[in-house]
Amino acid sequence: MIELLKNLFTKYQIEYTDEQIEKINKYYNMVIEQNKTMNLTRILSEEEFATKNILDSVLPIKIISKNASVVDVGTGAGLPGIPLKILRPDIKLTLLDSLQKKVNFLKQVVVELDLKEVNCVHARVEDFAKTNRENFDVCVSRAVARLNTLCEYCLPLVKIDGIMIAYKSLKAEEEAKEAQKAIDILGGKIENVQNVIIKEENSIRTNIIISKIKNTPNIYPRGKNLPKTKPII
């Protein structure tokens, strides 16, 4: 895993130190061990984990401002938040997930890797938003929901002039068109769409960067799973 990561980061111009690579390798081993008793990931091999989970998580790392407060919504196994924090120790990270056992695992990771300024929170995002509204510089989320639903979860947490980064792959452009009304209503604006060709697996990774340009109306995010069952369209 160590040489794999070094080669990938060098190729895709991701800055790293040997200590950071060691921490990511330790994180991978913790995920694989925990995966024996908990469903954290279907990606188990070193090659796939390095490319599909680690590299994918850190591709937009350069657009996150120094010392930013970052919330990872629906973090699951800690992706993309943990790899981002390892490579960018300056950020203040909140890992948010609705499953307690995953949050418990993340707390172990934070201790074992000696990560500072990381808060692991067990909550539904609708409830978390009630006390953390427009509190973060950056919101990241990966493999959680279609973009219109995801924006309702994420944009209420972002400060004006902050950004949301939606990690997408297939059908990203289609989702962006579908989500345009939701983005407008929720106070956002699509700032950039980053497409990166991952030659190792002949795929394209897309990061949709949405700027927060005005306050999100207080009714969002709605409760009772409405962002998923009745998304803004």
C-alpha atoms as a PDB file:
ATOM      1  CA  MET A   1       0.000   0.000   0.000  1.00  0.00           C
ATOM      2  CA  ILE A   2       2.779   2.456   0.871  1.00  0.00           C
ATOM      3  CA  GLU A   3       4.478   2.351  -2.533  1.00  0.00           C
ATOM      4  CA  LEU A   4       1.088   2.360  -4.265  1.00  0.00           C
ATOM      5  CA  LEU A   5       0.112   5.562  -2.485  1.00  0.00           C
ATOM      6  CA  LYS A   6       3.437   7.261  -3.153  1.00  0.00           C
ATOM      7  CA  ASN A   7       3.176   6.485  -6.866  1.00  0.00           C
ATOM      8  CA  LEU A   8      -0.446   7.641  -7.086  1.00  0.00           C
ATOM      9  CA  PHE A   9       0.109  10.862  -5.152  1.00  0.00           C
ATOM     10  CA  THR A  10       3.182  11.719  -7.208  1.00  0.00           C
ATOM     11  CA  LYS A  11       1.337  11.043 -10.463  1.00  0.00           C
ATOM     12  CA  TYR A  12      -1.701  13.150  -9.500  1.00  0.00           C
ATOM     13  CA  GLN A  13       0.367  15.895  -7.837  1.00  0.00           C
ATOM     14  CA  ILE A  14      -0.820  15.314  -4.282  1.00  0.00           C
ATOM     15  CA  GLU A  15       1.728  16.500  -1.713  1.00  0.00           C
ATOM     16  CA  TYR A  16       2.584  14.099   1.096  1.00  0.00           C
ATOM     17  CA  THR A  17       5.145  13.163   3.727  1.00  0.00           C
ATOM     18  CA  ASP A  18       6.326   9.668   4.618  1.00  0.00           C
ATOM     19  CA  GLU A  19       4.612   9.988   8.006  1.00  0.00           C
ATOM     20  CA  GLN A  20       1.307  10.777   6.301  1.00  0.00           C
ATOM     21  CA  ILE A  21       1.640   7.758   4.034  1.00  0.00           C
ATOM     22  CA  GLU A  22       2.286   5.585   7.093  1.00  0.00           C
ATOM     23  CA  LYS A  23      -0.879   6.922   8.730  1.00  0.00           C
ATOM     24  CA  ILE A  24      -2.978   6.214   5.649  1.00  0.00           C
ATOM     25  CA  ASN A  25      -1.580   2.692   5.521  1.00  0.00           C
ATOM     26  CA  LYS A  26      -2.478   2.205   9.194  1.00  0.00           C
ATOM     27  CA  TYR A  27      -5.966   3.562   8.512  1.00  0.00           C
ATOM     28  CA  TYR A  28      -6.387   1.069   5.660  1.00  0.00           C
ATOM     29  CA  ASN A  29      -5.401  -1.804   7.943  1.00  0.00           C
ATOM     30  CA  MET A  30      -7.866  -0.641  10.589  1.00  0.00           C
ATOM     31  CA  VAL A  31     -10.678  -0.479   8.041  1.00  0.00           C
ATOM     32  CA  ILE A  32      -9.904  -3.970   6.740  1.00  0.00           C
ATOM     33  CA  GLU A  33      -9.775  -5.405  10.262  1.00  0.00           C
ATOM     34  CA  GLN A  34     -13.013  -3.709  11.323  1.00  0.00           C
ATOM     35  CA  ASN A  35     -14.680  -4.758   8.083  1.00  0.00           C
ATOM     36  CA  LYS A  36     -14.622  -8.356   9.327  1.00  0.00           C
ATOM     37  CA  THR A  37     -17.399  -7.513  11.774  1.00  0.00           C
ATOM     38  CA  MET A  38     -18.915  -4.359  10.278  1.00  0.00           C
ATOM     39  CA  ASN A  39     -19.849  -3.397   6.724  1.00  0.00           C
ATOM     40  CA  LEU A  40     -17.506  -0.469   6.078  1.00  0.00           C
ATOM     41  CA  THR A  41     -16.407  -1.063   2.495  1.00  0.00           C
ATOM     42  CA  ARG A  42     -16.679  -3.517  -0.374  1.00  0.00           C
ATOM     43  CA  ILE A  43     -13.271  -2.409  -1.633  1.00  0.00           C
ATOM     44  CA  LEU A  44     -10.700  -4.603   0.076  1.00  0.00           C
ATOM     45  CA  SER A  45      -7.616  -4.963  -2.119  1.00  0.00           C
ATOM     46  CA  GLU A  46      -4.744  -2.532  -1.627  1.00  0.00           C
ATOM     47  CA  GLU A  47      -4.826  -1.439  -5.268  1.00  0.00           C
ATOM     48  CA  GLU A  48      -8.535  -0.650  -5.319  1.00  0.00           C
ATOM     49  CA  PHE A  49      -8.575   0.931  -1.874  1.00  0.00           C
ATOM     50  CA  ALA A  50      -5.658   3.195  -2.768  1.00  0.00           C
ATOM     51  CA  THR A  51      -7.256   4.333  -6.021  1.00  0.00           C
ATOM     52  CA  LYS A  52     -11.002   4.246  -5.376  1.00  0.00           C
ATOM     53  CA  ASN A  53     -11.027   5.353  -1.746  1.00  0.00           C
ATOM     54  CA  ILE A  54      -7.852   7.239  -0.861  1.00  0.00           C
ATOM     55  CA  LEU A  55      -6.958   8.994  -4.108  1.00  0.00           C
ATOM     56  CA  ASP A  56     -10.619   9.715  -4.806  1.00  0.00           C
ATOM     57  CA  SER A  57     -10.962  11.339  -1.373  1.00  0.00           C
ATOM     58  CA  VAL A  58      -8.034  13.715  -1.762  1.00  0.00           C
ATOM     59  CA  LEU A  59      -8.345  14.828  -5.395  1.00  0.00           C
ATOM     60  CA  PRO A  60      -9.975  18.187  -4.469  1.00  0.00           C
ATOM     61  CA  ILE A  61      -7.602  18.831  -1.557  1.00  0.00           C
ATOM     62  CA  LYS A  62      -6.063  21.976  -3.069  1.00  0.00           C
ATOM     63  CA  ILE A  63      -9.340  23.890  -3.160  1.00  0.00           C
ATOM     64  CA  ILE A  64      -9.854  23.606   0.602  1.00  0.00           C
ATOM     65  CA  SER A  65      -8.583  26.793   2.222  1.00  0.00           C
ATOM     66  CA  LYS A  66      -5.982  26.745   4.990  1.00  0.00           C
ATOM     67  CA  ASN A  67      -7.359  26.132   8.511  1.00  0.00           C
ATOM     68  CA  ALA A  68     -10.848  25.538   7.095  1.00  0.00           C
ATOM     69  CA  SER A  69     -13.588  24.022   9.230  1.00  0.00           C
ATOM     70  CA  VAL A  70     -14.748  20.965   7.290  1.00  0.00           C
ATOM     71  CA  VAL A  71     -17.752  18.680   7.847  1.00  0.00           C
ATOM     72  CA  ASP A  72     -17.962  15.269   6.177  1.00  0.00           C
ATOM     73  CA  VAL A  73     -21.651  14.331   5.860  1.00  0.00           C
ATOM     74  CA  GLY A  74     -22.432  10.600   5.853  1.00  0.00           C
ATOM     75  CA  THR A  75     -18.768   9.793   6.354  1.00  0.00           C
ATOM     76  CA  GLY A  76     -19.225   6.036   6.887  1.00  0.00           C
ATOM     77  CA  ALA A  77     -15.733   4.559   7.117  1.00  0.00           C
ATOM     78  CA  GLY A  78     -14.265   8.072   7.265  1.00  0.00           C
ATOM     79  CA  LEU A  79     -14.195   8.865   3.570  1.00  0.00           C
ATOM     80  CA  PRO A  80     -13.292  11.406   2.356  1.00  0.00           C
ATOM     81  CA  GLY A  81     -12.661  13.066   5.735  1.00  0.00           C
ATOM     82  CA  ILE A  82      -9.893  10.917   7.231  1.00  0.00           C
ATOM     83  CA  PRO A  83      -7.571  10.961   4.177  1.00  0.00           C
ATOM     84  CA  LEU A  84      -8.152  14.715   3.823  1.00  0.00           C
ATOM     85  CA  LYS A  85      -7.277  15.300   7.481  1.00  0.00           C
ATOM     86  CA  ILE A  86      -4.137  13.164   7.315  1.00  0.00           C
ATOM     87  CA  LEU A  87      -2.796  15.135   4.358  1.00  0.00           C
ATOM     88  CA  ARG A  88      -4.135  18.470   5.625  1.00  0.00           C
ATOM     89  CA  PRO A  89      -3.624  18.514   9.397  1.00  0.00           C
ATOM     90  CA  ASP A  90      -4.468  22.240   9.424  1.00  0.00           C
ATOM     91  CA  ILE A  91      -8.182  21.652   8.795  1.00  0.00           C
ATOM     92  CA  LYS A  92     -10.690  21.317  11.630  1.00  0.00           C
ATOM     93  CA  LEU A  93     -12.745  18.245  10.808  1.00  0.00           C
ATOM     94  CA  THR A  94     -16.181  17.024  11.859  1.00  0.00           C
ATOM     95  CA  LEU A  95     -17.110  13.468  10.834  1.00  0.00           C
ATOM     96  CA  LEU A  96     -20.881  13.029  10.801  1.00  0.00           C
ATOM     97  CA  ASP A  97     -22.723   9.721  10.512  1.00  0.00           C
ATOM     98  CA  SER A  98     -26.104   8.384  11.593  1.00  0.00           C
ATOM     99  CA  LEU A  99     -24.751   4.969  12.668  1.00  0.00           C
ATOM    100  CA  GLN A 100     -23.256   4.844  16.155  1.00  0.00           C
ATOM    101  CA  LYS A 101     -21.014   1.848  15.491  1.00  0.00           C
ATOM    102  CA  LYS A 102     -19.333   3.636  12.592  1.00  0.00           C
ATOM    103  CA  VAL A 103     -18.796   6.727  14.728  1.00  0.00           C
ATOM    104  CA  ASN A 104     -17.269   4.528  17.444  1.00  0.00           C
ATOM    105  CA  PHE A 105     -14.848   3.094  14.878  1.00  0.00           C
ATOM    106  CA  LEU A 106     -13.907   6.585  13.691  1.00  0.00           C
ATOM    107  CA  LYS A 107     -13.144   7.631  17.253  1.00  0.00           C
ATOM    108  CA  GLN A 108     -10.687   4.720  17.450  1.00  0.00           C
ATOM    109  CA  VAL A 109      -9.083   5.820  14.193  1.00  0.00           C
ATOM    110  CA  VAL A 110      -8.661   9.389  15.459  1.00  0.00           C
ATOM    111  CA  VAL A 111      -6.947   8.146  18.626  1.00  0.00           C
ATOM    112  CA  GLU A 112      -4.741   5.547  16.891  1.00  0.00           C
ATOM    113  CA  LEU A 113      -3.575   8.001  14.229  1.00  0.00           C
ATOM    114  CA  ASP A 114      -3.202  10.864  16.724  1.00  0.00           C
ATOM    115  CA  LEU A 115      -5.355  13.225  14.662  1.00  0.00           C
ATOM    116  CA  LYS A 116      -5.992  16.600  16.271  1.00  0.00           C
ATOM    117  CA  GLU A 117      -9.099  18.785  16.004  1.00  0.00           C
ATOM    118  CA  VAL A 118     -11.386  16.003  14.789  1.00  0.00           C
ATOM    119  CA  ASN A 119     -14.930  15.689  16.119  1.00  0.00           C
ATOM    120  CA  CYS A 120     -16.831  12.435  15.493  1.00  0.00           C
ATOM    121  CA  VAL A 121     -20.591  12.995  15.723  1.00  0.00           C
ATOM    122  CA  HIS A 122     -23.424  10.485  15.788  1.00  0.00           C
ATOM    123  CA  ALA A 123     -26.495  12.271  14.380  1.00  0.00           C
ATOM    124  CA  ARG A 124     -28.807  12.549  11.437  1.00  0.00           C
ATOM    125  CA  VAL A 125     -27.831  15.545   9.369  1.00  0.00           C
ATOM    126  CA  GLU A 126     -31.337  17.049   9.740  1.00  0.00           C
ATOM    127  CA  ASP A 127     -30.861  17.153  13.518  1.00  0.00           C
ATOM    128  CA  PHE A 128     -27.212  18.215  13.364  1.00  0.00           C
ATOM    129  CA  ALA A 129     -28.176  21.194  11.191  1.00  0.00           C
ATOM    130  CA  LYS A 130     -30.425  22.601  13.922  1.00  0.00           C
ATOM    131  CA  THR A 131     -27.426  23.543  16.065  1.00  0.00           C
ATOM    132  CA  ASN A 132     -24.699  23.806  13.388  1.00  0.00           C
ATOM    133  CA  ARG A 133     -26.400  25.882  10.747  1.00  0.00           C
ATOM    134  CA  GLU A 134     -24.021  27.751   8.404  1.00  0.00           C
ATOM    135  CA  ASN A 135     -21.147  26.826  10.701  1.00  0.00           C
ATOM    136  CA  PHE A 136     -18.572  25.345   8.292  1.00  0.00           C
ATOM    137  CA  ASP A 137     -16.249  26.666   5.611  1.00  0.00           C
ATOM    138  CA  VAL A 138     -16.447  23.410   3.636  1.00  0.00           C
ATOM    139  CA  CYS A 139     -18.873  20.504   3.478  1.00  0.00           C
ATOM    140  CA  VAL A 140     -17.755  17.314   1.730  1.00  0.00           C
ATOM    141  CA  SER A 141     -19.815  14.239   0.972  1.00  0.00           C
ATOM    142  CA  ARG A 142     -19.175  11.084  -0.991  1.00  0.00           C
ATOM    143  CA  ALA A 143     -21.548   8.342  -2.180  1.00  0.00           C
ATOM    144  CA  VAL A 144     -24.478   9.527  -0.042  1.00  0.00           C
ATOM    145  CA  ALA A 145     -27.303  10.644  -2.356  1.00  0.00           C
ATOM    146  CA  ARG A 146     -28.203  12.250  -5.665  1.00  0.00           C
ATOM    147  CA  LEU A 147     -27.079  15.842  -5.881  1.00  0.00           C
ATOM    148  CA  ASN A 148     -30.454  17.553  -5.279  1.00  0.00           C
ATOM    149  CA  THR A 149     -30.918  15.545  -2.079  1.00  0.00           C
ATOM    150  CA  LEU A 150     -27.281  15.967  -1.089  1.00  0.00           C
ATOM    151  CA  CYS A 151     -27.464  19.743  -1.452  1.00  0.00           C
ATOM    152  CA  GLU A 152     -30.402  19.872   0.958  1.00  0.00           C
ATOM    153  CA  TYR A 153     -28.322  17.973   3.501  1.00  0.00           C
ATOM    154  CA  CYS A 154     -25.089  19.899   2.979  1.00  0.00           C
ATOM    155  CA  LEU A 155     -25.703  23.518   1.973  1.00  0.00           C
ATOM    156  CA  PRO A 156     -27.520  24.469   5.218  1.00  0.00           C
ATOM    157  CA  LEU A 157     -24.276  23.647   7.064  1.00  0.00           C
ATOM    158  CA  VAL A 158     -22.063  25.897   4.910  1.00  0.00           C
ATOM    159  CA  LYS A 159     -21.222  29.513   5.693  1.00  0.00           C
ATOM    160  CA  ILE A 160     -21.793  32.186   3.087  1.00  0.00           C
ATOM    161  CA  ASP A 161     -18.663  32.268   0.897  1.00  0.00           C
ATOM    162  CA  GLY A 162     -17.960  28.663   1.886  1.00  0.00           C
ATOM    163  CA  ILE A 163     -18.152  25.687  -0.450  1.00  0.00           C
ATOM    164  CA  MET A 164     -19.709  22.266  -0.752  1.00  0.00           C
ATOM    165  CA  ILE A 165     -17.780  19.527  -2.562  1.00  0.00           C
ATOM    166  CA  ALA A 166     -19.911  16.682  -3.936  1.00  0.00           C
ATOM    167  CA  TYR A 167     -17.886  13.635  -4.932  1.00  0.00           C
ATOM    168  CA  LYS A 168     -19.437  12.075  -8.014  1.00  0.00           C
ATOM    169  CA  SER A 169     -18.537   9.778 -10.891  1.00  0.00           C
ATOM    170  CA  LEU A 170     -21.126   8.488 -13.346  1.00  0.00           C
ATOM    171  CA  LYS A 171     -23.967  10.792 -14.429  1.00  0.00           C
ATOM    172  CA  ALA A 172     -22.527  13.828 -12.648  1.00  0.00           C
ATOM    173  CA  GLU A 173     -23.652  16.249 -15.379  1.00  0.00           C
ATOM    174  CA  GLU A 174     -27.158  14.776 -15.348  1.00  0.00           C
ATOM    175  CA  GLU A 175     -27.337  15.182 -11.567  1.00  0.00           C
ATOM    176  CA  ALA A 176     -26.075  18.759 -11.784  1.00  0.00           C
ATOM    177  CA  LYS A 177     -28.861  19.703 -14.215  1.00  0.00           C
ATOM    178  CA  GLU A 178     -31.458  17.935 -12.084  1.00  0.00           C
ATOM    179  CA  ALA A 179     -30.229  19.744  -8.957  1.00  0.00           C
ATOM    180  CA  GLN A 180     -30.145  23.274 -10.374  1.00  0.00           C
ATOM    181  CA  LYS A 181     -33.444  24.341  -8.809  1.00  0.00           C
ATOM    182  CA  ALA A 182     -32.464  22.887  -5.432  1.00  0.00           C
ATOM    183  CA  ILE A 183     -29.080  24.611  -5.536  1.00  0.00           C
ATOM    184  CA  ASP A 184     -30.734  27.986  -6.273  1.00  0.00           C
ATOM    185  CA  ILE A 185     -33.327  27.599  -3.497  1.00  0.00           C
ATOM    186  CA  LEU A 186     -30.723  26.446  -0.958  1.00  0.00           C
ATOM    187  CA  GLY A 187     -28.432  29.433  -1.585  1.00  0.00           C
ATOM    188  CA  GLY A 188     -25.789  27.826  -3.756  1.00  0.00           C
ATOM    189  CA  LYS A 189     -24.170  28.266  -7.130  1.00  0.00           C
ATOM    190  CA  ILE A 190     -22.195  25.707  -9.107  1.00  0.00           C
ATOM    191  CA  GLU A 191     -18.714  27.192  -9.170  1.00  0.00           C
ATOM    192  CA  ASN A 192     -16.748  24.469 -10.890  1.00  0.00           C
ATOM    193  CA  VAL A 193     -16.916  20.869 -12.052  1.00  0.00           C
ATOM    194  CA  GLN A 194     -13.598  19.029 -11.782  1.00  0.00           C
ATOM    195  CA  ASN A 195     -13.163  15.961 -13.961  1.00  0.00           C
ATOM    196  CA  VAL A 196     -10.097  13.794 -13.393  1.00  0.00           C
ATOM    197  CA  ILE A 197      -9.315  10.791 -15.567  1.00  0.00           C
ATOM    198  CA  ILE A 198      -8.073   7.900 -13.437  1.00  0.00           C
ATOM    199  CA  LYS A 199      -6.047   5.894 -15.916  1.00  0.00           C
ATOM    200  CA  GLU A 200      -5.410   3.045 -13.477  1.00  0.00           C
ATOM    201  CA  GLU A 201      -9.035   1.994 -13.738  1.00  0.00           C
ATOM    202  CA  ASN A 202     -10.135   3.771 -16.910  1.00  0.00           C
ATOM    203  CA  SER A 203     -12.687   5.941 -15.114  1.00  0.00           C
ATOM    204  CA  ILE A 204     -13.514   9.578 -14.485  1.00  0.00           C
ATOM    205  CA  ARG A 205     -13.877  11.137 -11.036  1.00  0.00           C
ATOM    206  CA  THR A 206     -16.013  14.275 -10.869  1.00  0.00           C
ATOM    207  CA  ASN A 207     -16.084  16.795  -8.043  1.00  0.00           C
ATOM    208  CA  ILE A 208     -18.898  19.330  -8.172  1.00  0.00           C
ATOM    209  CA  ILE A 209     -17.916  22.468  -6.274  1.00  0.00           C
ATOM    210  CA  ILE A 210     -20.854  24.601  -5.131  1.00  0.00           C
ATOM    211  CA  SER A 211     -20.338  28.036  -3.591  1.00  0.00           C
ATOM    212  CA  LYS A 212     -22.664  29.290  -0.864  1.00  0.00           C
ATOM    213  CA  ILE A 213     -23.795  32.744  -1.990  1.00  0.00           C
ATOM    214  CA  LYS A 214     -26.826  33.381   0.251  1.00  0.00           C
ATOM    215  CA  ASN A 215     -28.472  32.045   3.393  1.00  0.00           C
ATOM    216  CA  THR A 216     -30.394  28.783   3.173  1.00  0.00           C
ATOM    217  CA  PRO A 217     -34.092  29.159   4.103  1.00  0.00           C
ATOM    218  CA  ASN A 218     -34.694  27.870   7.624  1.00  0.00           C
ATOM    219  CA  ILE A 219     -37.091  25.115   6.536  1.00  0.00           C
ATOM    220  CA  TYR A 220     -34.151  23.179   5.043  1.00  0.00           C
ATOM    221  CA  PRO A 221     -33.066  20.491   5.557  1.00  0.00           C
ATOM    222  CA  ARG A 222     -36.523  18.987   5.980  1.00  0.00           C
ATOM    223  CA  GLY A 223     -37.044  16.090   8.359  1.00  0.00           C
ATOM    224  CA  LYS A 224     -38.862  12.761   7.976  1.00  0.00           C
ATOM    225  CA  ASN A 225     -36.495  11.705   5.160  1.00  0.00           C
ATOM    226  CA  LEU A 226     -38.181  14.182   2.803  1.00  0.00           C
ATOM    227  CA  PRO A 227     -34.929  15.235   1.066  1.00  0.00           C
ATOM    228  CA  LYS A 228     -34.762  11.669  -0.297  1.00  0.00           C
ATOM    229  CA  THR A 229     -38.427  10.779  -0.719  1.00  0.00           C
ATOM    230  CA  LYS A 230     -39.525  14.181  -2.051  1.00  0.00           C
ATOM    231  CA  PRO A 231     -36.400  15.945  -3.336  1.00  0.00           C
ATOM    232  CA  ILE A 232     -36.505  19.495  -4.641  1.00  0.00           C
ATOM    233  CA  ILE A 233     -36.987  19.249  -8.415  1.00  0.00           C
END
